[in-house]
Amino acid sequence: MVSWEFEKPSEWSIGKKIGFLAIVLLLLGLFLPYWVRDSGSRTVNVRYFQYETFGLLGLIPIFSALLIVLLLYLNFNIYFEKDEERLKINHFILMMWSFCFVIIYIADAIRAVDYSTGNYTAYPGIGLYMIILGYLFCFIAGILEWLHPSMVGPRLLFKENKVKTASPAIKSNPSHGVAPSFSIQEREKVKVNTTNPESIRNNPSNNTKWMEGVNREPISEEEKILIRWSRDISKDGRIYERCLRCGNYVFLTAEDKGESIVFKCPGCGTSFNLSR
């Protein structure tokens, strides 16, 4: 699901702010001199967004700007999953994409000098420098989004999954056999219960179930966000989002009360109630 709701610029992370600067540089670079040919008495400016010279290659910076918007500013998350561990890779896509084009356009700047002859001198224009700088900023934005805040959730999730596998529930009741495996459809209907009260008290996420998201029209902006949260609750009854009260990215717990879903922030302790 893609959310077309943008965050306010004042709430952007440093990576998103640099990403916006990258978009501006990429688009401006299209209409400024890409190559310059100086014959002494005459100077010819060649723009990258010039179909007669570069054809459809002039669309690459536009497509790159749209990719930055899609991966940074819209709720369009791409994940890599393995053994129930999930890693968001939006920032990795940005880094690989921008790194490739930084190399390509630097090579193009070097190639511009090779066009120099005895009659005129060729050199890269300011538009080419801006495009290179735009892709460089895109690469930096990807690194910053990887370090903060996007990777905070997956790193904690990986650490917790390893702790869970290190202390299986079979230990608390050795007389029982190994529990049979269930399909995803069965797990949606069956609530997992543990027989060890201490384990339930210390790790409430063991006593969770798959929750069905709320599918109705919201009546307020806050409810609109809560409905989106309800559709992304993980199987351990939590969701990694920005708290509406303290503004921090945390794992909010989600508890199904039947008639409503209650989200609670572990940082500030605020609860958000979403009626079904």
C-alpha atoms as a PDB file:
ATOM      1  CA  MET A   1       0.000   0.000   0.000  1.00  0.00           C
ATOM      2  CA  VAL A   2       1.273   3.434  -0.951  1.00  0.00           C
ATOM      3  CA  SER A   3       0.319   6.441   1.156  1.00  0.00           C
ATOM      4  CA  TRP A   4       0.162   9.712  -0.786  1.00  0.00           C
ATOM      5  CA  GLU A   5       0.360  11.719   2.421  1.00  0.00           C
ATOM      6  CA  PHE A   6       3.594  13.724   2.693  1.00  0.00           C
ATOM      7  CA  GLU A   7       5.270  14.621   5.955  1.00  0.00           C
ATOM      8  CA  LYS A   8       5.722  18.286   6.782  1.00  0.00           C
ATOM      9  CA  PRO A   9       9.191  19.607   5.797  1.00  0.00           C
ATOM     10  CA  SER A  10       9.753  20.563   9.444  1.00  0.00           C
ATOM     11  CA  GLU A  11       9.442  16.859  10.362  1.00  0.00           C
ATOM     12  CA  TRP A  12      11.877  15.616   7.695  1.00  0.00           C
ATOM     13  CA  SER A  13      14.994  13.789   8.754  1.00  0.00           C
ATOM     14  CA  ILE A  14      18.385  15.100   7.612  1.00  0.00           C
ATOM     15  CA  GLY A  15      18.430  12.422   4.908  1.00  0.00           C
ATOM     16  CA  LYS A  16      15.116  13.632   3.452  1.00  0.00           C
ATOM     17  CA  LYS A  17      16.301  17.243   3.468  1.00  0.00           C
ATOM     18  CA  ILE A  18      19.435  16.304   1.521  1.00  0.00           C
ATOM     19  CA  GLY A  19      17.289  14.154  -0.783  1.00  0.00           C
ATOM     20  CA  PHE A  20      15.141  17.204  -1.603  1.00  0.00           C
ATOM     21  CA  LEU A  21      18.291  19.167  -2.463  1.00  0.00           C
ATOM     22  CA  ALA A  22      19.351  16.298  -4.749  1.00  0.00           C
ATOM     23  CA  ILE A  23      16.012  16.511  -6.600  1.00  0.00           C
ATOM     24  CA  VAL A  24      16.439  20.266  -7.135  1.00  0.00           C
ATOM     25  CA  LEU A  25      19.982  19.840  -8.487  1.00  0.00           C
ATOM     26  CA  LEU A  26      18.980  17.016 -10.852  1.00  0.00           C
ATOM     27  CA  LEU A  27      16.104  18.990 -12.360  1.00  0.00           C
ATOM     28  CA  LEU A  28      17.998  22.287 -12.653  1.00  0.00           C
ATOM     29  CA  GLY A  29      20.964  20.528 -14.252  1.00  0.00           C
ATOM     30  CA  LEU A  30      18.757  19.495 -17.191  1.00  0.00           C
ATOM     31  CA  PHE A  31      18.200  23.061 -18.358  1.00  0.00           C
ATOM     32  CA  LEU A  32      21.685  24.498 -17.746  1.00  0.00           C
ATOM     33  CA  PRO A  33      24.723  23.999 -20.029  1.00  0.00           C
ATOM     34  CA  TYR A  34      25.781  20.340 -20.029  1.00  0.00           C
ATOM     35  CA  TRP A  35      28.686  20.698 -22.439  1.00  0.00           C
ATOM     36  CA  VAL A  36      30.325  23.965 -23.490  1.00  0.00           C
ATOM     37  CA  ARG A  37      32.232  24.440 -26.736  1.00  0.00           C
ATOM     38  CA  ASP A  38      34.334  27.582 -26.908  1.00  0.00           C
ATOM     39  CA  SER A  39      35.920  28.570 -30.215  1.00  0.00           C
ATOM     40  CA  GLY A  40      37.166  31.948 -28.998  1.00  0.00           C
ATOM     41  CA  SER A  41      34.711  34.060 -30.945  1.00  0.00           C
ATOM     42  CA  ARG A  42      31.684  31.889 -30.241  1.00  0.00           C
ATOM     43  CA  THR A  43      30.508  29.776 -27.298  1.00  0.00           C
ATOM     44  CA  VAL A  44      27.978  26.992 -27.817  1.00  0.00           C
ATOM     45  CA  ASN A  45      26.056  25.581 -24.844  1.00  0.00           C
ATOM     46  CA  VAL A  46      24.608  22.101 -25.145  1.00  0.00           C
ATOM     47  CA  ARG A  47      21.849  21.247 -22.651  1.00  0.00           C
ATOM     48  CA  TYR A  48      21.210  17.697 -21.491  1.00  0.00           C
ATOM     49  CA  PHE A  49      17.453  18.084 -21.978  1.00  0.00           C
ATOM     50  CA  GLN A  50      17.987  18.504 -25.716  1.00  0.00           C
ATOM     51  CA  TYR A  51      16.452  15.693 -27.748  1.00  0.00           C
ATOM     52  CA  GLU A  52      18.446  16.401 -30.931  1.00  0.00           C
ATOM     53  CA  THR A  53      21.727  15.710 -29.100  1.00  0.00           C
ATOM     54  CA  PHE A  54      21.022  13.258 -26.267  1.00  0.00           C
ATOM     55  CA  GLY A  55      17.650  11.764 -27.186  1.00  0.00           C
ATOM     56  CA  LEU A  56      15.767  10.119 -24.305  1.00  0.00           C
ATOM     57  CA  LEU A  57      18.846  10.157 -22.052  1.00  0.00           C
ATOM     58  CA  GLY A  58      17.641  13.536 -20.821  1.00  0.00           C
ATOM     59  CA  LEU A  59      14.821  11.727 -18.989  1.00  0.00           C
ATOM     60  CA  ILE A  60      17.213   9.855 -16.661  1.00  0.00           C
ATOM     61  CA  PRO A  61      17.545  12.696 -14.070  1.00  0.00           C
ATOM     62  CA  ILE A  62      13.738  13.149 -14.125  1.00  0.00           C
ATOM     63  CA  PHE A  63      13.201   9.438 -13.523  1.00  0.00           C
ATOM     64  CA  SER A  64      15.817   9.544 -10.752  1.00  0.00           C
ATOM     65  CA  ALA A  65      14.025  12.461  -9.059  1.00  0.00           C
ATOM     66  CA  LEU A  66      10.742  10.499  -9.165  1.00  0.00           C
ATOM     67  CA  LEU A  67      12.534   7.485  -7.661  1.00  0.00           C
ATOM     68  CA  ILE A  68      13.814   9.614  -4.767  1.00  0.00           C
ATOM     69  CA  VAL A  69      10.283  10.892  -4.098  1.00  0.00           C
ATOM     70  CA  LEU A  70       8.880   7.350  -4.210  1.00  0.00           C
ATOM     71  CA  LEU A  71      11.460   5.798  -1.879  1.00  0.00           C
ATOM     72  CA  LEU A  72      11.976   8.677   0.555  1.00  0.00           C
ATOM     73  CA  TYR A  73       8.785  10.697   0.849  1.00  0.00           C
ATOM     74  CA  LEU A  74       5.954   8.230   0.154  1.00  0.00           C
ATOM     75  CA  ASN A  75       4.995   5.235   2.270  1.00  0.00           C
ATOM     76  CA  PHE A  76       6.291   2.864  -0.432  1.00  0.00           C
ATOM     77  CA  ASN A  77       8.572   0.503   1.458  1.00  0.00           C
ATOM     78  CA  ILE A  78      10.489  -2.345  -0.160  1.00  0.00           C
ATOM     79  CA  TYR A  79      11.628  -5.150   2.144  1.00  0.00           C
ATOM     80  CA  PHE A  80      13.986  -8.090   1.915  1.00  0.00           C
ATOM     81  CA  GLU A  81      12.686 -11.017   3.975  1.00  0.00           C
ATOM     82  CA  LYS A  82      14.493 -14.144   5.077  1.00  0.00           C
ATOM     83  CA  ASP A  83      13.582 -16.529   7.909  1.00  0.00           C
ATOM     84  CA  GLU A  84      10.948 -14.129   9.257  1.00  0.00           C
ATOM     85  CA  GLU A  85      13.506 -11.317   9.475  1.00  0.00           C
ATOM     86  CA  ARG A  86      12.603  -8.216   7.480  1.00  0.00           C
ATOM     87  CA  LEU A  87      15.012  -5.534   6.239  1.00  0.00           C
ATOM     88  CA  LYS A  88      13.895  -2.303   4.612  1.00  0.00           C
ATOM     89  CA  ILE A  89      16.046  -1.699   1.498  1.00  0.00           C
ATOM     90  CA  ASN A  90      14.748   1.652   0.176  1.00  0.00           C
ATOM     91  CA  HIS A  91      17.995   3.377   1.157  1.00  0.00           C
ATOM     92  CA  PHE A  92      20.147   0.620  -0.392  1.00  0.00           C
ATOM     93  CA  ILE A  93      18.338   1.070  -3.725  1.00  0.00           C
ATOM     94  CA  LEU A  94      19.008   4.819  -3.590  1.00  0.00           C
ATOM     95  CA  MET A  95      22.685   4.285  -2.786  1.00  0.00           C
ATOM     96  CA  MET A  96      23.253   1.752  -5.598  1.00  0.00           C
ATOM     97  CA  TRP A  97      21.291   3.788  -8.144  1.00  0.00           C
ATOM     98  CA  SER A  98      23.045   7.084  -7.363  1.00  0.00           C
ATOM     99  CA  PHE A  99      26.529   5.528  -7.113  1.00  0.00           C
ATOM    100  CA  CYS A 100      26.213   4.050 -10.617  1.00  0.00           C
ATOM    101  CA  PHE A 101      25.176   7.372 -12.152  1.00  0.00           C
ATOM    102  CA  VAL A 102      27.828   9.355 -10.280  1.00  0.00           C
ATOM    103  CA  ILE A 103      30.438   7.169 -12.016  1.00  0.00           C
ATOM    104  CA  ILE A 104      28.678   7.449 -15.395  1.00  0.00           C
ATOM    105  CA  TYR A 105      28.408  11.247 -15.350  1.00  0.00           C
ATOM    106  CA  ILE A 106      31.942  11.750 -14.065  1.00  0.00           C
ATOM    107  CA  ALA A 107      33.087   9.666 -17.033  1.00  0.00           C
ATOM    108  CA  ASP A 108      30.906  11.860 -19.271  1.00  0.00           C
ATOM    109  CA  ALA A 109      32.589  14.985 -17.875  1.00  0.00           C
ATOM    110  CA  ILE A 110      36.000  13.507 -18.728  1.00  0.00           C
ATOM    111  CA  ARG A 111      34.725  12.557 -22.186  1.00  0.00           C
ATOM    112  CA  ALA A 112      33.644  16.156 -22.841  1.00  0.00           C
ATOM    113  CA  VAL A 113      37.291  17.251 -22.717  1.00  0.00           C
ATOM    114  CA  ASP A 114      38.176  14.668 -25.374  1.00  0.00           C
ATOM    115  CA  TYR A 115      35.943  16.504 -27.841  1.00  0.00           C
ATOM    116  CA  SER A 116      38.366  19.431 -27.865  1.00  0.00           C
ATOM    117  CA  THR A 117      39.958  20.090 -31.262  1.00  0.00           C
ATOM    118  CA  GLY A 118      42.229  22.715 -32.749  1.00  0.00           C
ATOM    119  CA  ASN A 119      39.204  24.848 -33.616  1.00  0.00           C
ATOM    120  CA  TYR A 120      37.386  24.863 -30.264  1.00  0.00           C
ATOM    121  CA  THR A 121      37.760  23.799 -26.672  1.00  0.00           C
ATOM    122  CA  ALA A 122      35.124  21.603 -25.015  1.00  0.00           C
ATOM    123  CA  TYR A 123      34.573  21.267 -21.287  1.00  0.00           C
ATOM    124  CA  PRO A 124      31.775  20.242 -18.889  1.00  0.00           C
ATOM    125  CA  GLY A 125      29.099  22.827 -18.186  1.00  0.00           C
ATOM    126  CA  ILE A 126      27.527  23.804 -14.886  1.00  0.00           C
ATOM    127  CA  GLY A 127      24.511  21.591 -15.662  1.00  0.00           C
ATOM    128  CA  LEU A 128      26.680  18.466 -15.738  1.00  0.00           C
ATOM    129  CA  TYR A 129      28.338  19.450 -12.454  1.00  0.00           C
ATOM    130  CA  MET A 130      24.909  19.956 -10.865  1.00  0.00           C
ATOM    131  CA  ILE A 131      23.707  16.529 -12.037  1.00  0.00           C
ATOM    132  CA  ILE A 132      26.828  14.881 -10.594  1.00  0.00           C
ATOM    133  CA  LEU A 133      26.338  16.763  -7.323  1.00  0.00           C
ATOM    134  CA  GLY A 134      22.645  15.777  -7.291  1.00  0.00           C
ATOM    135  CA  TYR A 135      23.459  12.070  -7.537  1.00  0.00           C
ATOM    136  CA  LEU A 136      26.151  12.500  -4.891  1.00  0.00           C
ATOM    137  CA  PHE A 137      23.605  14.068  -2.518  1.00  0.00           C
ATOM    138  CA  CYS A 138      21.202  11.230  -3.331  1.00  0.00           C
ATOM    139  CA  PHE A 139      23.904   8.752  -2.265  1.00  0.00           C
ATOM    140  CA  ILE A 140      24.487  10.682   0.986  1.00  0.00           C
ATOM    141  CA  ALA A 141      20.713  10.782   1.643  1.00  0.00           C
ATOM    142  CA  GLY A 142      20.584   6.990   1.279  1.00  0.00           C
ATOM    143  CA  ILE A 143      23.420   6.566   3.790  1.00  0.00           C
ATOM    144  CA  LEU A 144      21.753   8.890   6.319  1.00  0.00           C
ATOM    145  CA  GLU A 145      18.381   7.143   5.943  1.00  0.00           C
ATOM    146  CA  TRP A 146      20.182   3.846   6.534  1.00  0.00           C
ATOM    147  CA  LEU A 147      21.821   5.082   9.730  1.00  0.00           C
ATOM    148  CA  HIS A 148      18.920   7.217  11.072  1.00  0.00           C
ATOM    149  CA  PRO A 149      16.093   6.567  11.447  1.00  0.00           C
ATOM    150  CA  SER A 150      15.119   3.809   9.001  1.00  0.00           C
ATOM    151  CA  MET A 151      17.518   1.113  10.191  1.00  0.00           C
ATOM    152  CA  VAL A 152      16.735   1.500  13.896  1.00  0.00           C
ATOM    153  CA  GLY A 153      13.674  -0.748  13.660  1.00  0.00           C
ATOM    154  CA  PRO A 154      15.113  -3.661  11.659  1.00  0.00           C
ATOM    155  CA  ARG A 155      18.273  -3.789  13.802  1.00  0.00           C
ATOM    156  CA  LEU A 156      16.223  -4.097  17.007  1.00  0.00           C
ATOM    157  CA  LEU A 157      13.948  -6.635  15.342  1.00  0.00           C
ATOM    158  CA  PHE A 158      16.861  -8.828  14.307  1.00  0.00           C
ATOM    159  CA  LYS A 159      18.323  -8.707  17.816  1.00  0.00           C
ATOM    160  CA  GLU A 160      15.025  -9.653  19.417  1.00  0.00           C
ATOM    161  CA  ASN A 161      14.387 -12.515  16.994  1.00  0.00           C
ATOM    162  CA  LYS A 162      17.741 -14.002  17.922  1.00  0.00           C
ATOM    163  CA  VAL A 163      16.863 -13.803  21.625  1.00  0.00           C
ATOM    164  CA  LYS A 164      13.568 -15.573  21.024  1.00  0.00           C
ATOM    165  CA  THR A 165      15.171 -18.436  19.112  1.00  0.00           C
ATOM    166  CA  ALA A 166      17.803 -18.826  21.826  1.00  0.00           C
ATOM    167  CA  SER A 167      15.185 -19.558  24.509  1.00  0.00           C
ATOM    168  CA  PRO A 168      12.472 -21.782  22.993  1.00  0.00           C
ATOM    169  CA  ALA A 169       9.149 -22.268  24.803  1.00  0.00           C
ATOM    170  CA  ILE A 170       9.720 -26.053  24.941  1.00  0.00           C
ATOM    171  CA  LYS A 171      12.145 -25.497  27.807  1.00  0.00           C
ATOM    172  CA  SER A 172       9.389 -24.408  30.202  1.00  0.00           C
ATOM    173  CA  ASN A 173       7.394 -27.641  29.703  1.00  0.00           C
ATOM    174  CA  PRO A 174       9.648 -30.516  28.615  1.00  0.00           C
ATOM    175  CA  SER A 175       6.887 -33.096  29.041  1.00  0.00           C
ATOM    176  CA  HIS A 176       5.034 -31.813  25.972  1.00  0.00           C
ATOM    177  CA  GLY A 177       6.011 -32.766  22.466  1.00  0.00           C
ATOM    178  CA  VAL A 178       7.094 -30.398  19.734  1.00  0.00           C
ATOM    179  CA  ALA A 179       4.254 -28.157  18.640  1.00  0.00           C
ATOM    180  CA  PRO A 180       3.056 -28.802  15.074  1.00  0.00           C
ATOM    181  CA  SER A 181       3.696 -26.163  12.439  1.00  0.00           C
ATOM    182  CA  PHE A 182       0.805 -24.076  11.147  1.00  0.00           C
ATOM    183  CA  SER A 183       0.223 -22.377   7.841  1.00  0.00           C
ATOM    184  CA  ILE A 184      -0.187 -18.616   7.590  1.00  0.00           C
ATOM    185  CA  GLN A 185      -3.962 -19.023   7.131  1.00  0.00           C
ATOM    186  CA  GLU A 186      -4.200 -21.097  10.321  1.00  0.00           C
ATOM    187  CA  ARG A 187      -2.076 -18.657  12.286  1.00  0.00           C
ATOM    188  CA  GLU A 188      -4.515 -15.891  11.391  1.00  0.00           C
ATOM    189  CA  LYS A 189      -7.235 -17.738  13.288  1.00  0.00           C
ATOM    190  CA  VAL A 190      -5.302 -19.354  16.143  1.00  0.00           C
ATOM    191  CA  LYS A 191      -4.027 -17.395  19.159  1.00  0.00           C
ATOM    192  CA  VAL A 192      -0.649 -18.592  20.372  1.00  0.00           C
ATOM    193  CA  ASN A 193      -0.608 -19.246  24.169  1.00  0.00           C
ATOM    194  CA  THR A 194       2.445 -20.059  26.237  1.00  0.00           C
ATOM    195  CA  THR A 195       2.281 -22.234  29.361  1.00  0.00           C
ATOM    196  CA  ASN A 196       4.924 -20.323  31.284  1.00  0.00           C
ATOM    197  CA  PRO A 197       3.407 -17.307  33.151  1.00  0.00           C
ATOM    198  CA  GLU A 198       6.844 -15.813  33.721  1.00  0.00           C
ATOM    199  CA  SER A 199       7.540 -15.877  30.015  1.00  0.00           C
ATOM    200  CA  ILE A 200       4.212 -14.177  29.297  1.00  0.00           C
ATOM    201  CA  ARG A 201       4.903 -11.444  31.837  1.00  0.00           C
ATOM    202  CA  ASN A 202       8.431 -10.737  30.615  1.00  0.00           C
ATOM    203  CA  ASN A 203       7.695 -11.006  26.911  1.00  0.00           C
ATOM    204  CA  PRO A 204       4.105 -10.008  26.149  1.00  0.00           C
ATOM    205  CA  SER A 205       4.724 -10.286  22.410  1.00  0.00           C
ATOM    206  CA  ASN A 206       4.607 -14.113  22.730  1.00  0.00           C
ATOM    207  CA  ASN A 207       0.878 -13.933  23.510  1.00  0.00           C
ATOM    208  CA  THR A 208      -0.235 -12.309  20.281  1.00  0.00           C
ATOM    209  CA  LYS A 209      -2.134 -13.141  17.148  1.00  0.00           C
ATOM    210  CA  TRP A 210      -2.534 -11.872  13.621  1.00  0.00           C
ATOM    211  CA  MET A 211      -4.831  -8.852  13.671  1.00  0.00           C
ATOM    212  CA  GLU A 212      -7.190  -7.829  10.934  1.00  0.00           C
ATOM    213  CA  GLY A 213      -6.749  -4.214   9.893  1.00  0.00           C
ATOM    214  CA  VAL A 214      -9.558  -1.683  10.125  1.00  0.00           C
ATOM    215  CA  ASN A 215     -11.231  -1.081   6.767  1.00  0.00           C
ATOM    216  CA  ARG A 216     -13.453   1.990   7.041  1.00  0.00           C
ATOM    217  CA  GLU A 217     -13.319   5.673   6.257  1.00  0.00           C
ATOM    218  CA  PRO A 218     -11.484   7.770   8.890  1.00  0.00           C
ATOM    219  CA  ILE A 219     -13.225  10.669  10.600  1.00  0.00           C
ATOM    220  CA  SER A 220     -10.079  12.600  11.540  1.00  0.00           C
ATOM    221  CA  GLU A 221      -6.432  12.945  10.534  1.00  0.00           C
ATOM    222  CA  GLU A 222      -5.287  11.013  13.604  1.00  0.00           C
ATOM    223  CA  GLU A 223      -7.697   8.176  12.864  1.00  0.00           C
ATOM    224  CA  LYS A 224      -6.437   8.067   9.290  1.00  0.00           C
ATOM    225  CA  ILE A 225      -2.906   7.363  10.592  1.00  0.00           C
ATOM    226  CA  LEU A 226      -4.163   4.784  13.105  1.00  0.00           C
ATOM    227  CA  ILE A 227      -6.080   2.919  10.372  1.00  0.00           C
ATOM    228  CA  ARG A 228      -2.881   2.774   8.319  1.00  0.00           C
ATOM    229  CA  TRP A 229      -1.057   1.419  11.374  1.00  0.00           C
ATOM    230  CA  SER A 230      -3.683  -1.302  11.843  1.00  0.00           C
ATOM    231  CA  ARG A 231      -2.945  -2.693   8.381  1.00  0.00           C
ATOM    232  CA  ASP A 232       0.795  -3.069   9.056  1.00  0.00           C
ATOM    233  CA  ILE A 233       0.783  -4.826  12.457  1.00  0.00           C
ATOM    234  CA  SER A 234       3.399  -7.581  12.507  1.00  0.00           C
ATOM    235  CA  LYS A 235       2.682 -11.079  13.754  1.00  0.00           C
ATOM    236  CA  ASP A 236       4.190 -10.314  17.175  1.00  0.00           C
ATOM    237  CA  GLY A 237       1.596  -7.582  17.750  1.00  0.00           C
ATOM    238  CA  ARG A 238       3.819  -4.568  17.176  1.00  0.00           C
ATOM    239  CA  ILE A 239       4.414  -1.891  14.556  1.00  0.00           C
ATOM    240  CA  TYR A 240       7.417   0.359  13.957  1.00  0.00           C
ATOM    241  CA  GLU A 241       6.120   3.909  13.431  1.00  0.00           C
ATOM    242  CA  ARG A 242       6.583   7.477  14.649  1.00  0.00           C
ATOM    243  CA  CYS A 243       4.614   8.148  17.827  1.00  0.00           C
ATOM    244  CA  LEU A 244       1.986  10.859  17.381  1.00  0.00           C
ATOM    245  CA  ARG A 245       2.760  12.231  20.864  1.00  0.00           C
ATOM    246  CA  CYS A 246       6.552  12.195  21.351  1.00  0.00           C
ATOM    247  CA  GLY A 247       7.496  12.078  17.651  1.00  0.00           C
ATOM    248  CA  ASN A 248      10.044   9.257  18.093  1.00  0.00           C
ATOM    249  CA  TYR A 249      10.281   6.156  15.902  1.00  0.00           C
ATOM    250  CA  VAL A 250       9.546   3.232  18.241  1.00  0.00           C
ATOM    251  CA  PHE A 251       7.922  -0.204  18.299  1.00  0.00           C
ATOM    252  CA  LEU A 252       4.347   0.527  19.358  1.00  0.00           C
ATOM    253  CA  THR A 253       2.452  -2.406  20.834  1.00  0.00           C
ATOM    254  CA  ALA A 254      -0.960  -3.205  19.377  1.00  0.00           C
ATOM    255  CA  GLU A 255      -3.590  -4.931  21.519  1.00  0.00           C
ATOM    256  CA  ASP A 256      -6.825  -6.234  20.036  1.00  0.00           C
ATOM    257  CA  LYS A 257      -9.719  -5.384  22.381  1.00  0.00           C
ATOM    258  CA  GLY A 258     -12.385  -6.773  20.052  1.00  0.00           C
ATOM    259  CA  GLU A 259     -14.290  -3.559  19.443  1.00  0.00           C
ATOM    260  CA  SER A 260     -11.072  -1.569  19.133  1.00  0.00           C
ATOM    261  CA  ILE A 261      -7.297  -1.757  18.693  1.00  0.00           C
ATOM    262  CA  VAL A 262      -5.133   0.024  21.267  1.00  0.00           C
ATOM    263  CA  PHE A 263      -1.656   1.206  20.243  1.00  0.00           C
ATOM    264  CA  LYS A 264       0.741   2.097  23.048  1.00  0.00           C
ATOM    265  CA  CYS A 265       4.080   3.921  22.815  1.00  0.00           C
ATOM    266  CA  PRO A 266       6.728   2.407  25.124  1.00  0.00           C
ATOM    267  CA  GLY A 267       8.653   5.676  25.158  1.00  0.00           C
ATOM    268  CA  CYS A 268       6.104   8.187  26.431  1.00  0.00           C
ATOM    269  CA  GLY A 269       3.433   5.690  27.524  1.00  0.00           C
ATOM    270  CA  THR A 270       0.674   7.297  25.427  1.00  0.00           C
ATOM    271  CA  SER A 271      -2.152   5.030  24.210  1.00  0.00           C
ATOM    272  CA  PHE A 272      -4.078   5.526  20.970  1.00  0.00           C
ATOM    273  CA  ASN A 273      -7.493   3.890  20.671  1.00  0.00           C
ATOM    274  CA  LEU A 274      -8.833   2.933  17.223  1.00  0.00           C
ATOM    275  CA  SER A 275     -12.470   1.820  17.134  1.00  0.00           C
ATOM    276  CA  ARG A 276     -13.403  -0.830  14.602  1.00  0.00           C
END
